Amino acid sequence: MKLSSLLVTLSLFIGASASADYIDFVGPYDVSNWTTTLTGDPGGGGTPAGVDTSGAPGSVALTGGDYGCNTFTVTDCDVLFTIAVVNGFVQFHWDYASNDLFGPSDDPFGYVIGTQLVQLTDDFGASTQSGDVAIPIPPGTTFGFYIDCLECTLGEARAGISAFRAPEPGSLALIGIAIAGGAGALRRRKTQS
């Protein structure tokens, strides 16, 4: 197989397998398809709780409340931004900053799968934190992001989500197989010459 035909085949294969990939908050992941929920009393912990989608499709930001949270209510004061997953895989970058006097321990940030909250921030870490996440999620499962203001006073927290990507889980494996196969074909061609 000639190198040029191998590269054309490989690029067509990668292009076809990447066609079901969603990069940024677009297509079925457009911000208009997500649901914002403010739980507790006051909702999300009050002002300035909410989700800022003005950076979409490139990014979104969640801000926790700073107006108190009635701890006698059934639910915590959370800001949730959720959607039903279309593909079976999600990856994203997050940047977090807490203005809370006691730091990130009073305003944890993370992601939601179904009804389970998975905390990303380190309670004993710096007031600014960041990271990258890649996780498989069954299609149709509720996924999203949250900020939980535990007492919702002494300063709010904000988390920005960017580099959001929802590729088909198989497309990543297929791309890897195609690249490995192409490299193997090139190696065989060189040894036969």
Protein backbone atom coordinates (compact mmCIF):
# COMPACT_ATOMS: atom_id res chain seq x y z
CA MET A 1 0.00 0.00 0.00
CA LYS A 2 1.41 3.38 -0.96
CA LEU A 3 1.94 5.97 1.75
CA SER A 4 -0.35 8.48 0.01
CA SER A 5 -3.26 6.03 -0.28
CA LEU A 6 -2.74 4.92 3.32
CA LEU A 7 -2.91 8.53 4.54
CA VAL A 8 -6.07 9.21 2.48
CA THR A 9 -7.72 6.06 3.86
CA LEU A 10 -6.66 6.93 7.39
CA SER A 11 -7.93 10.53 7.14
CA LEU A 12 -11.28 9.38 5.70
CA PHE A 13 -11.61 6.81 8.48
CA ILE A 14 -10.78 9.35 11.17
CA GLY A 15 -13.16 11.90 9.61
CA ALA A 16 -15.99 9.37 9.47
CA SER A 17 -15.46 8.15 13.01
CA ALA A 18 -15.23 11.71 14.33
CA SER A 19 -18.50 12.73 12.71
CA ALA A 20 -20.44 11.83 15.89
CA ASP A 21 -18.09 13.86 18.09
CA TYR A 22 -19.36 17.10 19.63
CA ILE A 23 -16.79 19.73 20.50
CA ASP A 24 -17.87 22.60 22.75
CA PHE A 25 -21.50 23.20 23.72
CA VAL A 26 -23.01 22.59 20.26
CA GLY A 27 -25.55 20.30 18.58
CA PRO A 28 -27.38 18.21 21.17
CA TYR A 29 -25.08 19.77 23.80
CA ASP A 30 -26.07 23.35 22.94
CA VAL A 31 -26.60 25.32 26.17
CA SER A 32 -30.30 25.68 25.31
CA ASN A 33 -30.65 21.92 25.82
CA TRP A 34 -29.22 21.96 29.36
CA THR A 35 -31.29 22.49 32.50
CA THR A 36 -30.32 24.93 35.26
CA THR A 37 -31.60 23.98 38.71
CA LEU A 38 -31.14 26.03 41.89
CA THR A 39 -31.96 23.89 44.93
CA GLY A 40 -32.44 24.90 48.55
CA ASP A 41 -33.76 27.99 50.28
CA PRO A 42 -32.96 30.45 48.79
CA GLY A 43 -32.39 28.67 45.47
CA GLY A 44 -28.70 27.97 44.91
CA GLY A 45 -27.89 29.98 48.03
CA GLY A 46 -29.30 33.22 46.63
CA THR A 47 -27.42 35.98 44.86
CA PRO A 48 -25.24 35.60 42.73
CA ALA A 49 -26.16 31.91 42.14
CA GLY A 50 -26.65 30.85 38.54
CA VAL A 51 -25.16 29.63 35.28
CA ASP A 52 -23.55 32.03 32.81
CA THR A 53 -23.80 30.75 29.24
CA SER A 54 -22.61 33.96 27.56
CA GLY A 55 -19.25 32.29 26.77
CA ALA A 56 -20.96 29.47 24.84
CA PRO A 57 -20.34 27.57 22.77
CA GLY A 58 -16.77 27.63 24.10
CA SER A 59 -17.47 27.75 27.82
CA VAL A 60 -20.02 28.03 30.60
CA ALA A 61 -19.63 29.10 34.23
CA LEU A 62 -21.45 28.19 37.44
CA THR A 63 -21.54 30.57 40.40
CA GLY A 64 -22.66 29.53 43.85
CA GLY A 65 -24.82 31.65 46.11
CA ASP A 66 -23.66 33.92 48.91
CA TYR A 67 -26.94 34.85 50.56
CA GLY A 68 -27.29 32.07 53.12
CA CYS A 69 -28.79 28.61 52.98
CA ASN A 70 -31.60 27.47 55.24
CA THR A 71 -30.09 24.23 56.56
CA PHE A 72 -33.51 23.07 57.76
CA THR A 73 -34.64 22.45 54.18
CA VAL A 74 -34.48 18.94 52.73
CA THR A 75 -31.95 19.79 50.00
CA ASP A 76 -28.66 21.66 49.99
CA CYS A 77 -28.28 24.96 48.19
CA ASP A 78 -26.83 23.76 44.88
CA VAL A 79 -26.42 25.20 41.41
CA LEU A 80 -26.86 22.38 38.87
CA PHE A 81 -26.41 22.46 35.08
CA THR A 82 -27.50 19.10 33.60
CA ILE A 83 -28.34 17.26 30.38
CA ALA A 84 -29.06 13.69 29.22
CA VAL A 85 -25.88 12.33 27.61
CA VAL A 86 -26.16 11.55 23.89
CA ASN A 87 -22.84 9.79 23.40
CA GLY A 88 -21.27 7.52 25.98
CA PHE A 89 -18.24 9.64 26.87
CA VAL A 90 -17.61 13.18 28.14
CA GLN A 91 -14.43 15.18 28.65
CA PHE A 92 -13.86 18.77 29.78
CA HIS A 93 -11.51 21.24 31.44
CA TRP A 94 -12.51 23.09 34.62
CA ASP A 95 -11.21 26.21 36.38
CA TYR A 96 -12.43 26.97 39.90
CA ALA A 97 -12.03 29.99 42.16
CA SER A 98 -13.45 30.41 45.67
CA ASN A 99 -13.90 33.76 47.37
CA ASP A 100 -15.14 32.05 50.53
CA LEU A 101 -13.32 33.04 53.71
CA PHE A 102 -12.83 29.34 54.48
CA GLY A 103 -11.80 28.43 50.94
CA PRO A 104 -13.05 25.62 48.72
CA SER A 105 -14.24 23.36 51.56
CA ASP A 106 -17.43 25.42 51.90
CA ASP A 107 -18.16 25.59 48.14
CA PRO A 108 -17.26 22.28 46.48
CA PHE A 109 -17.51 21.89 42.70
CA GLY A 110 -17.82 18.74 40.64
CA TYR A 111 -19.92 16.81 38.18
CA VAL A 112 -23.18 14.89 38.44
CA ILE A 113 -23.90 11.42 37.04
CA GLY A 114 -27.53 10.46 37.59
CA THR A 115 -28.11 11.65 41.14
CA GLN A 116 -24.53 11.13 42.34
CA LEU A 117 -22.34 14.20 42.97
CA VAL A 118 -18.65 13.61 42.25
CA GLN A 119 -16.51 16.33 43.83
CA LEU A 120 -13.53 17.58 41.82
CA THR A 121 -12.24 20.33 44.09
CA ASP A 122 -9.89 19.61 46.97
CA ASP A 123 -11.37 20.85 50.24
CA PHE A 124 -7.90 21.60 51.59
CA GLY A 125 -6.45 22.88 48.32
CA ALA A 126 -5.83 26.38 47.06
CA SER A 127 -8.66 28.83 46.45
CA THR A 128 -8.03 28.44 42.72
CA GLN A 129 -7.92 24.96 41.23
CA SER A 130 -8.26 23.37 37.80
CA GLY A 131 -8.18 20.05 36.05
CA ASP A 132 -9.21 17.88 33.15
CA VAL A 133 -11.76 15.06 33.26
CA ALA A 134 -12.60 12.25 30.84
CA ILE A 135 -15.31 9.80 31.88
CA PRO A 136 -17.53 7.17 30.25
CA ILE A 137 -21.25 7.72 30.84
CA PRO A 138 -24.08 5.47 29.63
CA PRO A 139 -26.11 7.24 26.91
CA GLY A 140 -29.33 8.72 28.25
CA THR A 141 -27.87 9.20 31.74
CA THR A 142 -28.20 12.62 33.33
CA PHE A 143 -24.82 14.37 33.46
CA GLY A 144 -23.86 17.85 34.53
CA PHE A 145 -21.93 20.17 36.78
CA TYR A 146 -22.63 21.51 40.26
CA ILE A 147 -21.51 23.96 42.92
CA ASP A 148 -22.72 23.24 46.43
CA CYS A 149 -22.52 26.22 48.79
CA LEU A 150 -22.63 24.59 52.20
CA GLU A 151 -23.38 27.71 54.22
CA CYS A 152 -23.63 30.16 51.30
CA THR A 153 -22.02 33.06 53.14
CA LEU A 154 -18.53 34.57 53.45
CA GLY A 155 -17.95 34.58 49.68
CA GLU A 156 -19.10 32.70 46.59
CA ALA A 157 -17.31 30.24 44.31
CA ARG A 158 -17.23 30.13 40.52
CA ALA A 159 -16.35 27.28 38.16
CA GLY A 160 -15.75 27.61 34.44
CA ILE A 161 -16.08 24.63 32.11
CA SER A 162 -14.34 24.69 28.74
CA ALA A 163 -12.88 22.30 26.15
CA PHE A 164 -16.11 20.29 26.48
CA ARG A 165 -16.14 17.28 24.19
CA ALA A 166 -18.51 14.35 23.85
CA PRO A 167 -17.02 11.88 21.38
CA GLU A 168 -18.51 8.46 20.68
CA PRO A 169 -16.57 6.10 23.00
CA GLY A 170 -15.79 3.74 20.12
CA SER A 171 -14.44 6.50 17.86
CA LEU A 172 -11.45 7.10 20.12
CA ALA A 173 -10.58 3.40 20.10
CA LEU A 174 -11.13 3.15 16.34
CA ILE A 175 -8.85 6.12 15.70
CA GLY A 176 -6.16 4.48 17.84
CA ILE A 177 -6.55 1.19 15.95
CA ALA A 178 -6.41 2.99 12.59
CA ILE A 179 -3.25 4.85 13.54
CA ALA A 180 -1.62 1.68 14.89
CA GLY A 181 -2.62 -0.22 11.73
CA GLY A 182 -1.28 2.54 9.50
CA ALA A 183 2.01 2.60 11.40
CA GLY A 184 2.23 -1.19 11.08
CA ALA A 185 1.61 -1.03 7.33
CA LEU A 186 4.31 1.60 6.93
CA ARG A 187 6.74 -0.50 8.99
CA ARG A 188 6.03 -3.59 6.82
CA ARG A 189 6.50 -1.51 3.66
CA LYS A 190 9.89 -0.25 4.87
CA THR A 191 11.10 -3.74 5.78
CA GLN A 192 10.02 -5.13 2.37
CA SER A 193 11.92 -2.41 0.45
